[in-house]
């Protein structure tokens, strides 16, 4: 059985997400990439919590990730609204 960290942080999956959202060739830390990686982890953890309803430790981690993603989105909205709209549309987030 594979663990959460192995599934979400599979190097191939992570590399694919980074390549899809990177701003330039060697980009791994731009807000777009960070938001995309957080969204992937949030989606996985949401599915996990649907099955394991009493896993409150993971729920707390999920809430921290959602807050971190919200902060990054607010930063991007404030600094570059065009990039903000692009990432929202690409990820299908409701904002």
C-alpha atoms as a PDB file:
ATOM      1  CA  UNK A   1       0.000   0.000   0.000  1.00  0.00           C
ATOM      2  CA  UNK A   2       1.406   3.387  -0.991  1.00  0.00           C
ATOM      3  CA  UNK A   3       1.382   6.259   1.471  1.00  0.00           C
ATOM      4  CA  UNK A   4      -0.078   9.714   0.879  1.00  0.00           C
ATOM      5  CA  UNK A   5       3.322  11.321   0.444  1.00  0.00           C
ATOM      6  CA  UNK A   6       4.323   8.706  -2.135  1.00  0.00           C
ATOM      7  CA  UNK A   7       1.179   9.264  -4.201  1.00  0.00           C
ATOM      8  CA  UNK A   8       1.099  13.042  -4.148  1.00  0.00           C
ATOM      9  CA  UNK A   9       4.845  13.609  -4.268  1.00  0.00           C
ATOM     10  CA  UNK A  10       5.594  11.044  -6.934  1.00  0.00           C
ATOM     11  CA  UNK A  11       8.436  12.793  -8.783  1.00  0.00           C
ATOM     12  CA  UNK A  12       6.851  12.186 -12.182  1.00  0.00           C
ATOM     13  CA  UNK A  13       3.512  13.693 -11.114  1.00  0.00           C
ATOM     14  CA  UNK A  14       5.183  16.652  -9.428  1.00  0.00           C
ATOM     15  CA  UNK A  15       7.405  17.295 -12.452  1.00  0.00           C
ATOM     16  CA  UNK A  16       4.383  17.183 -14.762  1.00  0.00           C
ATOM     17  CA  UNK A  17       2.515  19.754 -12.642  1.00  0.00           C
ATOM     18  CA  UNK A  18       5.564  22.019 -12.480  1.00  0.00           C
ATOM     19  CA  UNK A  19       6.053  21.871 -16.252  1.00  0.00           C
ATOM     20  CA  UNK A  20       2.411  22.693 -16.859  1.00  0.00           C
ATOM     21  CA  UNK A  21       2.369  25.803 -14.653  1.00  0.00           C
ATOM     22  CA  UNK A  22       5.946  27.113 -14.759  1.00  0.00           C
ATOM     23  CA  UNK A  23       6.505  30.688 -15.904  1.00  0.00           C
ATOM     24  CA  UNK A  24       9.969  30.044 -17.365  1.00  0.00           C
ATOM     25  CA  UNK A  25      12.120  26.995 -18.076  1.00  0.00           C
ATOM     26  CA  UNK A  26      13.762  26.541 -14.668  1.00  0.00           C
ATOM     27  CA  UNK A  27      10.822  27.783 -12.598  1.00  0.00           C
ATOM     28  CA  UNK A  28       9.853  25.669  -9.591  1.00  0.00           C
ATOM     29  CA  UNK A  29       8.798  28.258  -7.014  1.00  0.00           C
ATOM     30  CA  UNK A  30       6.609  30.850  -8.703  1.00  0.00           C
ATOM     31  CA  UNK A  31       3.203  31.445  -7.122  1.00  0.00           C
ATOM     32  CA  UNK A  32       1.533  29.620 -10.032  1.00  0.00           C
ATOM     33  CA  UNK A  33       3.562  26.452  -9.440  1.00  0.00           C
ATOM     34  CA  UNK A  34       3.062  26.603  -5.675  1.00  0.00           C
ATOM     35  CA  UNK A  35      -0.699  27.081  -6.090  1.00  0.00           C
ATOM     36  CA  UNK A  36      -0.918  24.174  -8.549  1.00  0.00           C
ATOM     37  CA  UNK A  37       1.015  21.826  -6.249  1.00  0.00           C
ATOM     38  CA  UNK A  38      -1.081  22.843  -3.243  1.00  0.00           C
ATOM     39  CA  UNK A  39      -4.268  22.311  -5.259  1.00  0.00           C
ATOM     40  CA  UNK A  40      -3.160  18.780  -6.152  1.00  0.00           C
ATOM     41  CA  UNK A  41      -2.456  17.990  -2.487  1.00  0.00           C
ATOM     42  CA  UNK A  42      -5.744  19.594  -1.389  1.00  0.00           C
ATOM     43  CA  UNK A  43      -7.721  17.539  -3.914  1.00  0.00           C
ATOM     44  CA  UNK A  44      -6.055  14.306  -2.787  1.00  0.00           C
ATOM     45  CA  UNK A  45      -6.596  15.066   0.895  1.00  0.00           C
ATOM     46  CA  UNK A  46     -10.239  15.986   0.268  1.00  0.00           C
ATOM     47  CA  UNK A  47     -10.835  12.548  -1.256  1.00  0.00           C
ATOM     48  CA  UNK A  48      -8.995  10.926   1.666  1.00  0.00           C
ATOM     49  CA  UNK A  49     -11.228  12.724   4.179  1.00  0.00           C
ATOM     50  CA  UNK A  50     -14.391  11.570   2.401  1.00  0.00           C
ATOM     51  CA  UNK A  51     -13.395   8.001   3.275  1.00  0.00           C
ATOM     52  CA  UNK A  52     -11.741   8.680   6.650  1.00  0.00           C
ATOM     53  CA  UNK A  53     -14.197  11.097   8.223  1.00  0.00           C
ATOM     54  CA  UNK A  54     -12.616  11.040  11.697  1.00  0.00           C
ATOM     55  CA  UNK A  55      -9.068  11.816  10.567  1.00  0.00           C
ATOM     56  CA  UNK A  56      -8.931  15.191  12.285  1.00  0.00           C
ATOM     57  CA  UNK A  57      -5.149  15.521  12.062  1.00  0.00           C
ATOM     58  CA  UNK A  58      -5.319  15.393   8.274  1.00  0.00           C
ATOM     59  CA  UNK A  59      -8.270  17.783   8.301  1.00  0.00           C
ATOM     60  CA  UNK A  60      -6.149  20.333  10.159  1.00  0.00           C
ATOM     61  CA  UNK A  61      -3.382  19.926   7.589  1.00  0.00           C
ATOM     62  CA  UNK A  62      -5.941  20.412   4.821  1.00  0.00           C
ATOM     63  CA  UNK A  63      -7.149  23.658   6.384  1.00  0.00           C
ATOM     64  CA  UNK A  64      -3.561  24.921   6.643  1.00  0.00           C
ATOM     65  CA  UNK A  65      -2.965  24.113   2.961  1.00  0.00           C
ATOM     66  CA  UNK A  66      -6.183  25.863   1.924  1.00  0.00           C
ATOM     67  CA  UNK A  67      -5.112  28.934   3.906  1.00  0.00           C
ATOM     68  CA  UNK A  68      -1.669  28.903   2.332  1.00  0.00           C
ATOM     69  CA  UNK A  69      -3.172  28.615  -1.158  1.00  0.00           C
ATOM     70  CA  UNK A  70      -5.567  31.464  -0.369  1.00  0.00           C
ATOM     71  CA  UNK A  71      -2.629  33.653   0.711  1.00  0.00           C
ATOM     72  CA  UNK A  72      -0.733  32.899  -2.499  1.00  0.00           C
ATOM     73  CA  UNK A  73      -3.836  33.636  -4.584  1.00  0.00           C
ATOM     74  CA  UNK A  74      -4.380  36.933  -2.765  1.00  0.00           C
ATOM     75  CA  UNK A  75      -0.735  37.881  -3.369  1.00  0.00           C
ATOM     76  CA  UNK A  76      -1.028  37.057  -7.069  1.00  0.00           C
ATOM     77  CA  UNK A  77      -4.319  38.947  -7.368  1.00  0.00           C
ATOM     78  CA  UNK A  78      -2.746  42.007  -5.769  1.00  0.00           C
ATOM     79  CA  UNK A  79       0.537  41.918  -7.713  1.00  0.00           C
ATOM     80  CA  UNK A  80      -0.542  40.653 -11.167  1.00  0.00           C
ATOM     81  CA  UNK A  81      -4.301  40.288 -11.819  1.00  0.00           C
ATOM     82  CA  UNK A  82      -3.761  38.842 -15.319  1.00  0.00           C
ATOM     83  CA  UNK A  83      -1.649  35.930 -14.028  1.00  0.00           C
ATOM     84  CA  UNK A  84      -4.212  35.485 -11.243  1.00  0.00           C
ATOM     85  CA  UNK A  85      -7.091  35.061 -13.740  1.00  0.00           C
ATOM     86  CA  UNK A  86      -5.019  32.638 -15.841  1.00  0.00           C
ATOM     87  CA  UNK A  87      -4.210  30.355 -12.890  1.00  0.00           C
ATOM     88  CA  UNK A  88      -7.818  30.438 -11.650  1.00  0.00           C
ATOM     89  CA  UNK A  89      -9.088  29.435 -15.087  1.00  0.00           C
ATOM     90  CA  UNK A  90      -6.433  26.712 -15.554  1.00  0.00           C
ATOM     91  CA  UNK A  91      -7.163  25.118 -12.181  1.00  0.00           C
ATOM     92  CA  UNK A  92     -10.909  25.633 -12.318  1.00  0.00           C
ATOM     93  CA  UNK A  93     -11.055  27.350  -8.940  1.00  0.00           C
ATOM     94  CA  UNK A  94     -14.169  29.309  -8.021  1.00  0.00           C
ATOM     95  CA  UNK A  95     -12.936  32.861  -7.608  1.00  0.00           C
END
